[in-house]
Amino acid sequence: MNHPRQQKGLSLVELMVALVIGLILTAGVINVFLGNQAAYRETQRFSELQDNIGFAINFMMRDMRGADVIAKTTTPEGISVIRDRVAAVCDVSGPGSEVIYHVDGDALRCGPSGGTGLILVQGVKPDSTLQFTQIPDPLPSGTDPIGAEITLIFTSQASEGGPQRHHALTFHVALRGPILRNLPNS
């Protein structure tokens, strides 16, 4: 009489089902890991861009506060800062010197009029702009602006071929020179 033997271990079918389930779980874990890695890279990239733009804005504000005149320029399109004090900023020095801040290609630059200048921020999209509004606006005739509203509009793109995002950073700068000239003498 033959007695059926008890099976020890796994059959081939059970082993293959276990392998398929393990592969599906592994693929899910890898997919989550890759998604987190892409999100981390994007967060790092945006954080670096924020740091660079923060540096550029602080740099521009310090220069503009000491300016005697700020004006809009057309070639290159940007902002002209003229000061009567001796200062060496953006490869420009001497009293009455003019510094131009503008977006050129993929960089926010500063330098002498007509030059390409130093790079303040690298990696802005080419359609980014630097805008200027004098304060008060409109300016009464015969008066100098005492401040400026500066807007940096830049474009970012999370991935190649992805949607572009436009960001506008606006900040105000008080011009010390014109404000002090308008104070009554005591």
N, C-alpha and C. Protein backbone atom coordinates (compact mmCIF):
# COMPACT_ATOMS: atom_id res chain seq x y z
N MET A 1 0.81 -1.17 0.00
CA MET A 1 0.00 0.00 0.00
C MET A 1 0.86 1.24 0.00
N ASN A 2 0.52 2.12 -0.91
CA ASN A 2 1.27 3.37 -0.98
C ASN A 2 0.58 4.44 -0.16
N HIS A 3 1.35 5.00 0.72
CA HIS A 3 0.83 6.15 1.49
C HIS A 3 1.38 7.43 0.85
N PRO A 4 0.51 8.41 0.67
CA PRO A 4 1.04 9.67 0.11
C PRO A 4 2.05 10.28 1.07
N ARG A 5 3.14 10.74 0.51
CA ARG A 5 4.17 11.35 1.36
C ARG A 5 3.77 12.79 1.67
N GLN A 6 4.15 13.21 2.84
CA GLN A 6 3.91 14.60 3.19
C GLN A 6 4.95 15.46 2.50
N GLN A 7 4.47 16.58 1.98
CA GLN A 7 5.37 17.47 1.24
C GLN A 7 6.20 18.27 2.22
N LYS A 8 7.48 18.39 1.93
CA LYS A 8 8.38 19.21 2.73
C LYS A 8 8.85 20.36 1.85
N GLY A 9 8.75 21.61 2.34
CA GLY A 9 9.21 22.77 1.57
C GLY A 9 8.11 23.33 0.68
N LEU A 10 8.53 24.12 -0.29
CA LEU A 10 7.59 24.82 -1.18
C LEU A 10 7.60 24.17 -2.55
N SER A 11 6.43 24.25 -3.17
CA SER A 11 6.37 23.77 -4.55
C SER A 11 6.91 24.87 -5.47
N LEU A 12 7.16 24.52 -6.68
CA LEU A 12 7.69 25.48 -7.65
C LEU A 12 6.71 26.62 -7.90
N VAL A 13 5.44 26.34 -7.96
CA VAL A 13 4.41 27.37 -8.18
C VAL A 13 4.37 28.34 -7.01
N GLU A 14 4.41 27.83 -5.79
CA GLU A 14 4.39 28.70 -4.61
C GLU A 14 5.63 29.59 -4.59
N LEU A 15 6.75 29.05 -4.94
CA LEU A 15 7.98 29.83 -4.98
C LEU A 15 7.91 30.94 -6.02
N MET A 16 7.35 30.63 -7.19
CA MET A 16 7.23 31.65 -8.24
C MET A 16 6.25 32.75 -7.84
N VAL A 17 5.15 32.42 -7.19
CA VAL A 17 4.19 33.42 -6.71
C VAL A 17 4.85 34.32 -5.67
N ALA A 18 5.62 33.76 -4.77
CA ALA A 18 6.33 34.55 -3.76
C ALA A 18 7.33 35.49 -4.42
N LEU A 19 8.05 35.02 -5.45
CA LEU A 19 9.00 35.88 -6.16
C LEU A 19 8.30 37.04 -6.86
N VAL A 20 7.16 36.79 -7.48
CA VAL A 20 6.41 37.85 -8.17
C VAL A 20 5.93 38.89 -7.17
N ILE A 21 5.40 38.45 -6.04
CA ILE A 21 4.94 39.39 -5.01
C ILE A 21 6.13 40.20 -4.49
N GLY A 22 7.25 39.57 -4.27
CA GLY A 22 8.46 40.29 -3.82
C GLY A 22 8.92 41.31 -4.84
N LEU A 23 8.88 40.97 -6.12
CA LEU A 23 9.28 41.92 -7.17
C LEU A 23 8.34 43.11 -7.23
N ILE A 24 7.04 42.87 -7.08
CA ILE A 24 6.07 43.97 -7.10
C ILE A 24 6.34 44.91 -5.93
N LEU A 25 6.57 44.36 -4.75
CA LEU A 25 6.87 45.20 -3.58
C LEU A 25 8.18 45.97 -3.77
N THR A 26 9.19 45.33 -4.31
CA THR A 26 10.47 46.00 -4.56
C THR A 26 10.30 47.13 -5.57
N ALA A 27 9.53 46.90 -6.63
CA ALA A 27 9.29 47.95 -7.63
C ALA A 27 8.58 49.14 -7.00
N GLY A 28 7.63 48.87 -6.10
CA GLY A 28 6.93 49.96 -5.41
C GLY A 28 7.86 50.77 -4.54
N VAL A 29 8.73 50.10 -3.80
CA VAL A 29 9.69 50.79 -2.94
C VAL A 29 10.65 51.63 -3.77
N ILE A 30 11.13 51.09 -4.88
CA ILE A 30 12.05 51.83 -5.75
C ILE A 30 11.35 53.06 -6.33
N ASN A 31 10.10 52.91 -6.73
CA ASN A 31 9.35 54.03 -7.29
C ASN A 31 9.18 55.15 -6.26
N VAL A 32 8.86 54.81 -5.03
CA VAL A 32 8.73 55.81 -3.96
C VAL A 32 10.08 56.48 -3.71
N PHE A 33 11.15 55.71 -3.69
CA PHE A 33 12.49 56.26 -3.48
C PHE A 33 12.86 57.25 -4.58
N LEU A 34 12.61 56.90 -5.84
CA LEU A 34 12.94 57.79 -6.95
C LEU A 34 12.11 59.07 -6.90
N GLY A 35 10.85 58.96 -6.52
CA GLY A 35 10.00 60.15 -6.38
C GLY A 35 10.52 61.08 -5.29
N ASN A 36 10.91 60.51 -4.16
CA ASN A 36 11.47 61.32 -3.08
C ASN A 36 12.79 61.96 -3.48
N GLN A 37 13.59 61.24 -4.23
CA GLN A 37 14.88 61.78 -4.67
C GLN A 37 14.68 62.97 -5.61
N ALA A 38 13.71 62.88 -6.52
CA ALA A 38 13.42 63.99 -7.43
C ALA A 38 12.90 65.19 -6.66
N ALA A 39 12.03 64.96 -5.68
CA ALA A 39 11.51 66.07 -4.87
C ALA A 39 12.63 66.73 -4.07
N TYR A 40 13.55 65.94 -3.55
CA TYR A 40 14.68 66.48 -2.81
C TYR A 40 15.56 67.35 -3.71
N ARG A 41 15.86 66.87 -4.92
CA ARG A 41 16.68 67.65 -5.85
C ARG A 41 16.01 68.97 -6.19
N GLU A 42 14.70 68.96 -6.43
CA GLU A 42 13.98 70.19 -6.76
C GLU A 42 13.98 71.15 -5.58
N THR A 43 13.81 70.63 -4.38
CA THR A 43 13.85 71.47 -3.19
C THR A 43 15.23 72.10 -3.02
N GLN A 44 16.28 71.33 -3.22
CA GLN A 44 17.65 71.85 -3.12
C GLN A 44 17.90 72.92 -4.17
N ARG A 45 17.45 72.69 -5.40
CA ARG A 45 17.65 73.65 -6.48
C ARG A 45 16.94 74.96 -6.17
N PHE A 46 15.71 74.87 -5.69
CA PHE A 46 14.96 76.08 -5.39
C PHE A 46 15.55 76.81 -4.19
N SER A 47 16.03 76.07 -3.20
CA SER A 47 16.68 76.68 -2.05
C SER A 47 17.94 77.43 -2.46
N GLU A 48 18.72 76.84 -3.35
CA GLU A 48 19.93 77.50 -3.86
C GLU A 48 19.57 78.77 -4.62
N LEU A 49 18.51 78.71 -5.42
CA LEU A 49 18.06 79.89 -6.16
C LEU A 49 17.62 80.99 -5.21
N GLN A 50 16.89 80.62 -4.14
CA GLN A 50 16.47 81.61 -3.15
C GLN A 50 17.68 82.26 -2.48
N ASP A 51 18.68 81.48 -2.12
CA ASP A 51 19.88 82.03 -1.51
C ASP A 51 20.57 83.02 -2.45
N ASN A 52 20.71 82.63 -3.71
CA ASN A 52 21.38 83.50 -4.68
C ASN A 52 20.60 84.79 -4.90
N ILE A 53 19.30 84.69 -5.02
CA ILE A 53 18.49 85.89 -5.25
C ILE A 53 18.49 86.76 -4.00
N GLY A 54 18.46 86.14 -2.81
CA GLY A 54 18.55 86.92 -1.57
C GLY A 54 19.85 87.71 -1.51
N PHE A 55 20.96 87.07 -1.90
CA PHE A 55 22.25 87.77 -1.94
C PHE A 55 22.18 88.94 -2.91
N ALA A 56 21.66 88.70 -4.11
CA ALA A 56 21.61 89.75 -5.13
C ALA A 56 20.74 90.93 -4.69
N ILE A 57 19.61 90.64 -4.08
CA ILE A 57 18.72 91.72 -3.63
C ILE A 57 19.39 92.53 -2.53
N ASN A 58 20.02 91.87 -1.56
CA ASN A 58 20.74 92.61 -0.51
C ASN A 58 21.87 93.45 -1.09
N PHE A 59 22.60 92.90 -2.05
CA PHE A 59 23.69 93.62 -2.70
C PHE A 59 23.15 94.86 -3.41
N MET A 60 22.07 94.69 -4.18
CA MET A 60 21.49 95.81 -4.91
C MET A 60 20.94 96.87 -3.95
N MET A 61 20.27 96.44 -2.89
CA MET A 61 19.70 97.39 -1.94
C MET A 61 20.78 98.23 -1.27
N ARG A 62 21.88 97.61 -0.88
CA ARG A 62 22.96 98.38 -0.25
C ARG A 62 23.54 99.42 -1.19
N ASP A 63 23.70 99.04 -2.45
CA ASP A 63 24.22 99.98 -3.43
C ASP A 63 23.21 101.09 -3.70
N MET A 64 21.95 100.74 -3.84
CA MET A 64 20.92 101.73 -4.18
C MET A 64 20.62 102.69 -3.04
N ARG A 65 20.74 102.24 -1.80
CA ARG A 65 20.48 103.14 -0.67
C ARG A 65 21.41 104.34 -0.69
N GLY A 66 22.65 104.13 -1.08
CA GLY A 66 23.61 105.22 -1.12
C GLY A 66 23.61 105.99 -2.42
N ALA A 67 22.69 105.67 -3.32
CA ALA A 67 22.67 106.32 -4.64
C ALA A 67 22.07 107.72 -4.56
N ASP A 68 22.52 108.56 -5.48
CA ASP A 68 21.92 109.88 -5.61
C ASP A 68 20.82 109.87 -6.65
N VAL A 69 20.97 109.03 -7.66
CA VAL A 69 19.97 108.95 -8.72
C VAL A 69 19.80 107.48 -9.11
N ILE A 70 18.55 107.08 -9.28
CA ILE A 70 18.23 105.76 -9.84
C ILE A 70 17.29 106.01 -11.01
N ALA A 71 17.58 105.36 -12.12
CA ALA A 71 16.75 105.55 -13.31
C ALA A 71 16.62 104.24 -14.07
N LYS A 72 15.61 104.19 -14.92
CA LYS A 72 15.39 103.04 -15.79
C LYS A 72 16.30 103.18 -17.00
N THR A 73 16.87 102.08 -17.46
CA THR A 73 17.69 102.09 -18.67
C THR A 73 17.03 101.22 -19.73
N THR A 74 17.36 101.50 -20.98
CA THR A 74 16.78 100.71 -22.07
C THR A 74 17.80 99.82 -22.75
N THR A 75 19.07 100.24 -22.78
CA THR A 75 20.09 99.42 -23.42
C THR A 75 21.28 99.28 -22.48
N PRO A 76 21.43 98.25 -21.76
CA PRO A 76 20.52 97.12 -21.62
C PRO A 76 19.32 97.51 -20.75
N GLU A 77 18.22 96.78 -20.89
CA GLU A 77 17.03 97.07 -20.10
C GLU A 77 17.30 96.71 -18.66
N GLY A 78 17.22 97.69 -17.78
CA GLY A 78 17.53 97.45 -16.38
C GLY A 78 17.44 98.72 -15.57
N ILE A 79 18.32 98.83 -14.57
CA ILE A 79 18.30 99.94 -13.63
C ILE A 79 19.68 100.56 -13.56
N SER A 80 19.72 101.89 -13.66
CA SER A 80 20.97 102.64 -13.55
C SER A 80 21.05 103.25 -12.15
N VAL A 81 22.19 103.08 -11.49
CA VAL A 81 22.43 103.63 -10.16
C VAL A 81 23.64 104.55 -10.26
N ILE A 82 23.43 105.84 -9.93
CA ILE A 82 24.52 106.83 -9.97
C ILE A 82 24.71 107.36 -8.55
N ARG A 83 25.97 107.39 -8.11
CA ARG A 83 26.27 107.89 -6.78
C ARG A 83 27.39 108.92 -6.83
N ASP A 84 27.32 109.87 -5.91
CA ASP A 84 28.34 110.92 -5.85
C ASP A 84 29.48 110.57 -4.91
N ARG A 85 29.40 109.46 -4.26
CA ARG A 85 30.45 109.07 -3.33
C ARG A 85 31.44 108.13 -4.03
N VAL A 86 32.60 108.03 -3.46
CA VAL A 86 33.59 107.12 -4.01
C VAL A 86 33.28 105.71 -3.49
N ALA A 87 33.04 104.81 -4.40
CA ALA A 87 32.75 103.42 -4.03
C ALA A 87 33.15 102.53 -5.19
N ALA A 88 33.62 101.36 -4.88
CA ALA A 88 33.96 100.39 -5.92
C ALA A 88 32.94 99.26 -5.86
N VAL A 89 32.00 99.31 -6.78
CA VAL A 89 30.93 98.31 -6.85
C VAL A 89 30.84 97.82 -8.28
N CYS A 90 30.86 96.53 -8.47
CA CYS A 90 30.65 95.91 -9.80
C CYS A 90 31.66 96.43 -10.83
N ASP A 91 32.91 96.50 -10.47
CA ASP A 91 33.98 96.99 -11.37
C ASP A 91 33.79 98.44 -11.79
N VAL A 92 33.07 99.22 -11.02
CA VAL A 92 32.87 100.64 -11.29
C VAL A 92 33.31 101.39 -10.04
N SER A 93 34.14 102.42 -10.20
CA SER A 93 34.58 103.18 -9.04
C SER A 93 34.68 104.65 -9.39
N GLY A 94 34.77 105.45 -8.36
CA GLY A 94 34.92 106.88 -8.54
C GLY A 94 33.62 107.62 -8.31
N PRO A 95 33.73 108.91 -7.97
CA PRO A 95 32.51 109.70 -7.76
C PRO A 95 31.76 109.90 -9.07
N GLY A 96 30.44 109.92 -8.99
CA GLY A 96 29.62 110.11 -10.18
C GLY A 96 29.58 108.89 -11.08
N SER A 97 30.00 107.76 -10.58
CA SER A 97 30.03 106.55 -11.41
C SER A 97 28.64 105.95 -11.54
N GLU A 98 28.44 105.23 -12.63
CA GLU A 98 27.14 104.63 -12.92
C GLU A 98 27.27 103.11 -12.98
N VAL A 99 26.38 102.43 -12.27
CA VAL A 99 26.30 100.97 -12.29
C VAL A 99 24.96 100.59 -12.90
N ILE A 100 24.99 99.66 -13.84
CA ILE A 100 23.76 99.18 -14.48
C ILE A 100 23.48 97.76 -13.98
N TYR A 101 22.28 97.55 -13.46
CA TYR A 101 21.81 96.21 -13.08
C TYR A 101 20.84 95.75 -14.17
N HIS A 102 21.07 94.55 -14.71
CA HIS A 102 20.20 94.06 -15.79
C HIS A 102 20.28 92.53 -15.90
N VAL A 103 19.27 91.96 -16.57
CA VAL A 103 19.27 90.52 -16.85
C VAL A 103 19.84 90.35 -18.24
N ASP A 104 20.87 89.50 -18.35
CA ASP A 104 21.52 89.24 -19.63
C ASP A 104 21.65 87.73 -19.79
N GLY A 105 20.92 87.18 -20.74
CA GLY A 105 20.95 85.72 -20.92
C GLY A 105 20.33 85.03 -19.73
N ASP A 106 21.12 84.20 -19.06
CA ASP A 106 20.59 83.47 -17.90
C ASP A 106 21.15 84.01 -16.59
N ALA A 107 21.56 85.29 -16.57
CA ALA A 107 22.19 85.84 -15.37
C ALA A 107 21.71 87.25 -15.07
N LEU A 108 21.63 87.57 -13.77
CA LEU A 108 21.41 88.94 -13.32
C LEU A 108 22.80 89.53 -13.15
N ARG A 109 23.06 90.63 -13.84
CA ARG A 109 24.41 91.21 -13.87
C ARG A 109 24.42 92.65 -13.37
N CYS A 110 25.62 93.10 -13.01
CA CYS A 110 25.83 94.51 -12.69
C CYS A 110 27.19 94.91 -13.25
N GLY A 111 27.27 96.16 -13.69
CA GLY A 111 28.53 96.62 -14.25
C GLY A 111 28.41 98.00 -14.85
N PRO A 112 29.47 98.44 -15.51
CA PRO A 112 29.45 99.76 -16.12
C PRO A 112 28.46 99.81 -17.29
N SER A 113 28.09 101.01 -17.65
CA SER A 113 27.13 101.15 -18.74
C SER A 113 27.70 100.60 -20.03
N GLY A 114 26.90 99.82 -20.73
CA GLY A 114 27.32 99.23 -21.99
C GLY A 114 28.11 97.95 -21.86
N GLY A 115 28.49 97.56 -20.65
CA GLY A 115 29.28 96.33 -20.48
C GLY A 115 28.41 95.18 -20.03
N THR A 116 28.98 93.99 -20.10
CA THR A 116 28.23 92.83 -19.63
C THR A 116 28.24 92.74 -18.11
N GLY A 117 29.31 93.14 -17.46
CA GLY A 117 29.37 93.22 -16.01
C GLY A 117 29.54 91.90 -15.31
N LEU A 118 29.53 91.99 -13.98
CA LEU A 118 29.69 90.83 -13.11
C LEU A 118 28.37 90.09 -12.95
N ILE A 119 28.45 88.80 -12.74
CA ILE A 119 27.24 87.99 -12.53
C ILE A 119 26.89 88.00 -11.05
N LEU A 120 25.66 88.45 -10.73
CA LEU A 120 25.17 88.38 -9.36
C LEU A 120 24.42 87.08 -9.10
N VAL A 121 23.56 86.68 -10.04
CA VAL A 121 22.80 85.43 -9.94
C VAL A 121 22.86 84.71 -11.27
N GLN A 122 23.28 83.46 -11.23
CA GLN A 122 23.33 82.62 -12.44
C GLN A 122 22.12 81.69 -12.41
N GLY A 123 21.58 81.39 -13.58
CA GLY A 123 20.53 80.38 -13.66
C GLY A 123 19.12 80.92 -13.76
N VAL A 124 18.95 82.23 -13.95
CA VAL A 124 17.61 82.73 -14.21
C VAL A 124 17.28 82.48 -15.67
N LYS A 125 16.03 82.32 -15.99
CA LYS A 125 15.65 82.05 -17.37
C LYS A 125 15.82 83.32 -18.20
N PRO A 126 16.13 83.19 -19.49
CA PRO A 126 16.39 84.36 -20.34
C PRO A 126 15.24 85.37 -20.43
N ASP A 127 13.99 84.96 -20.19
CA ASP A 127 12.90 85.92 -20.27
C ASP A 127 12.62 86.62 -18.94
N SER A 128 13.53 86.51 -17.98
CA SER A 128 13.39 87.21 -16.71
C SER A 128 13.66 88.70 -16.91
N THR A 129 13.06 89.54 -16.06
CA THR A 129 13.22 90.99 -16.20
C THR A 129 13.46 91.64 -14.84
N LEU A 130 13.99 92.85 -14.90
CA LEU A 130 14.22 93.68 -13.73
C LEU A 130 13.46 94.98 -13.98
N GLN A 131 12.46 95.28 -13.14
CA GLN A 131 11.62 96.45 -13.36
C GLN A 131 11.85 97.47 -12.25
N PHE A 132 11.56 98.73 -12.58
CA PHE A 132 11.83 99.85 -11.67
C PHE A 132 10.66 100.82 -11.69
N THR A 133 10.21 101.26 -10.52
CA THR A 133 9.21 102.31 -10.39
C THR A 133 9.73 103.29 -9.35
N GLN A 134 9.74 104.58 -9.70
CA GLN A 134 10.25 105.58 -8.76
C GLN A 134 9.18 105.90 -7.72
N ILE A 135 9.61 106.32 -6.56
CA ILE A 135 8.72 106.72 -5.48
C ILE A 135 9.08 108.15 -5.12
N PRO A 136 8.14 109.08 -5.09
CA PRO A 136 6.72 108.93 -5.37
C PRO A 136 6.45 108.77 -6.86
N ASP A 137 5.35 108.13 -7.17
CA ASP A 137 4.94 107.93 -8.56
C ASP A 137 3.51 108.38 -8.70
N PRO A 138 3.17 109.37 -9.46
CA PRO A 138 4.05 110.13 -10.35
C PRO A 138 4.91 111.11 -9.56
N LEU A 139 6.04 111.42 -10.13
CA LEU A 139 7.02 112.30 -9.50
C LEU A 139 6.66 113.75 -9.78
N PRO A 140 6.47 114.58 -8.73
CA PRO A 140 6.19 116.00 -8.96
C PRO A 140 7.37 116.66 -9.68
N SER A 141 7.07 117.61 -10.55
CA SER A 141 8.15 118.24 -11.32
C SER A 141 9.10 118.99 -10.39
N GLY A 142 10.37 118.92 -10.72
CA GLY A 142 11.40 119.61 -9.96
C GLY A 142 11.84 118.87 -8.71
N THR A 143 11.39 117.65 -8.51
CA THR A 143 11.80 116.88 -7.33
C THR A 143 12.50 115.60 -7.77
N ASP A 144 13.34 115.12 -6.88
CA ASP A 144 14.03 113.86 -7.12
C ASP A 144 13.26 112.73 -6.45
N PRO A 145 13.32 111.53 -7.02
CA PRO A 145 12.69 110.40 -6.33
C PRO A 145 13.42 110.13 -5.02
N ILE A 146 12.67 109.76 -4.00
CA ILE A 146 13.28 109.46 -2.70
C ILE A 146 13.33 107.96 -2.44
N GLY A 147 12.81 107.20 -3.38
CA GLY A 147 12.82 105.75 -3.22
C GLY A 147 12.53 105.06 -4.53
N ALA A 148 12.57 103.76 -4.48
CA ALA A 148 12.31 102.98 -5.68
C ALA A 148 11.65 101.67 -5.29
N GLU A 149 10.79 101.21 -6.18
CA GLU A 149 10.22 99.87 -6.06
C GLU A 149 10.85 99.03 -7.15
N ILE A 150 11.56 98.01 -6.76
CA ILE A 150 12.28 97.15 -7.70
C ILE A 150 11.58 95.80 -7.74
N THR A 151 11.31 95.31 -8.94
CA THR A 151 10.69 94.00 -9.10
C THR A 151 11.56 93.14 -10.00
N LEU A 152 11.95 92.00 -9.49
CA LEU A 152 12.68 91.01 -10.28
C LEU A 152 11.69 89.90 -10.61
N ILE A 153 11.39 89.77 -11.89
CA ILE A 153 10.49 88.71 -12.34
C ILE A 153 11.36 87.63 -12.97
N PHE A 154 11.35 86.46 -12.37
CA PHE A 154 12.16 85.39 -12.93
C PHE A 154 11.31 84.15 -13.15
N THR A 155 11.79 83.30 -14.00
CA THR A 155 11.07 82.10 -14.41
C THR A 155 11.85 80.88 -13.96
N SER A 156 11.13 79.90 -13.43
CA SER A 156 11.77 78.64 -13.08
C SER A 156 11.02 77.51 -13.77
N GLN A 157 11.70 76.40 -13.91
CA GLN A 157 11.12 75.24 -14.56
C GLN A 157 11.60 74.01 -13.81
N ALA A 158 10.66 73.24 -13.26
CA ALA A 158 11.03 72.10 -12.42
C ALA A 158 11.75 71.01 -13.20
N SER A 159 11.31 70.76 -14.40
CA SER A 159 11.94 69.70 -15.19
C SER A 159 11.94 70.11 -16.65
N GLU A 160 12.78 69.47 -17.41
CA GLU A 160 12.88 69.74 -18.84
C GLU A 160 11.53 69.45 -19.49
N GLY A 161 10.98 70.46 -20.17
CA GLY A 161 9.69 70.28 -20.82
C GLY A 161 8.50 70.49 -19.89
N GLY A 162 8.76 70.72 -18.60
CA GLY A 162 7.68 70.94 -17.64
C GLY A 162 7.15 72.36 -17.74
N PRO A 163 6.09 72.66 -17.01
CA PRO A 163 5.52 74.01 -17.06
C PRO A 163 6.45 75.03 -16.42
N GLN A 164 6.48 76.22 -17.01
CA GLN A 164 7.30 77.30 -16.44
C GLN A 164 6.49 78.00 -15.36
N ARG A 165 7.20 78.43 -14.32
CA ARG A 165 6.57 79.18 -13.24
C ARG A 165 7.21 80.55 -13.19
N HIS A 166 6.40 81.58 -13.07
CA HIS A 166 6.91 82.95 -13.01
C HIS A 166 6.81 83.42 -11.56
N HIS A 167 7.90 83.98 -11.07
CA HIS A 167 7.97 84.47 -9.69
C HIS A 167 8.33 85.95 -9.74
N ALA A 168 7.65 86.75 -8.95
CA ALA A 168 7.96 88.18 -8.87
C ALA A 168 8.39 88.52 -7.44
N LEU A 169 9.58 89.07 -7.31
CA LEU A 169 10.08 89.54 -6.02
C LEU A 169 10.11 91.06 -6.07
N THR A 170 9.37 91.69 -5.19
CA THR A 170 9.31 93.15 -5.16
C THR A 170 9.89 93.63 -3.84
N PHE A 171 10.74 94.63 -3.91
CA PHE A 171 11.28 95.23 -2.70
C PHE A 171 11.39 96.73 -2.89
N HIS A 172 11.39 97.46 -1.78
CA HIS A 172 11.44 98.92 -1.79
C HIS A 172 12.78 99.38 -1.22
N VAL A 173 13.31 100.43 -1.81
CA VAL A 173 14.58 100.99 -1.37
C VAL A 173 14.41 102.49 -1.16
N ALA A 174 14.82 102.99 -0.01
CA ALA A 174 14.84 104.43 0.25
C ALA A 174 16.21 104.96 -0.13
N LEU A 175 16.23 106.07 -0.86
CA LEU A 175 17.50 106.68 -1.30
C LEU A 175 17.94 107.69 -0.26
N ARG A 176 19.03 107.42 0.42
CA ARG A 176 19.49 108.29 1.50
C ARG A 176 19.87 109.67 1.02
N GLY A 177 20.58 109.75 -0.11
CA GLY A 177 21.03 111.06 -0.61
C GLY A 177 19.90 112.04 -0.83
N PRO A 178 18.90 111.72 -1.66
CA PRO A 178 17.79 112.65 -1.88
C PRO A 178 16.99 112.94 -0.62
N ILE A 179 16.84 111.96 0.26
CA ILE A 179 16.09 112.21 1.50
C ILE A 179 16.85 113.21 2.36
N LEU A 180 18.16 113.02 2.51
CA LEU A 180 18.95 113.94 3.34
C LEU A 180 19.02 115.34 2.73
N ARG A 181 19.05 115.44 1.40
CA ARG A 181 19.06 116.76 0.76
C ARG A 181 17.76 117.51 0.98
N ASN A 182 16.66 116.79 1.14
CA ASN A 182 15.36 117.43 1.32
C ASN A 182 15.06 117.81 2.77
N LEU A 183 15.91 117.39 3.72
CA LEU A 183 15.70 117.76 5.12
C LEU A 183 16.01 119.24 5.31
N PRO A 184 15.20 119.93 6.12
CA PRO A 184 15.50 121.35 6.39
C PRO A 184 16.77 121.46 7.23
N ASN A 185 17.57 122.47 6.94
CA ASN A 185 18.79 122.70 7.72
C ASN A 185 18.41 123.26 9.08
N SER A 186 19.03 122.73 10.11
CA SER A 186 18.70 123.23 11.45
C SER A 186 19.87 123.94 12.07
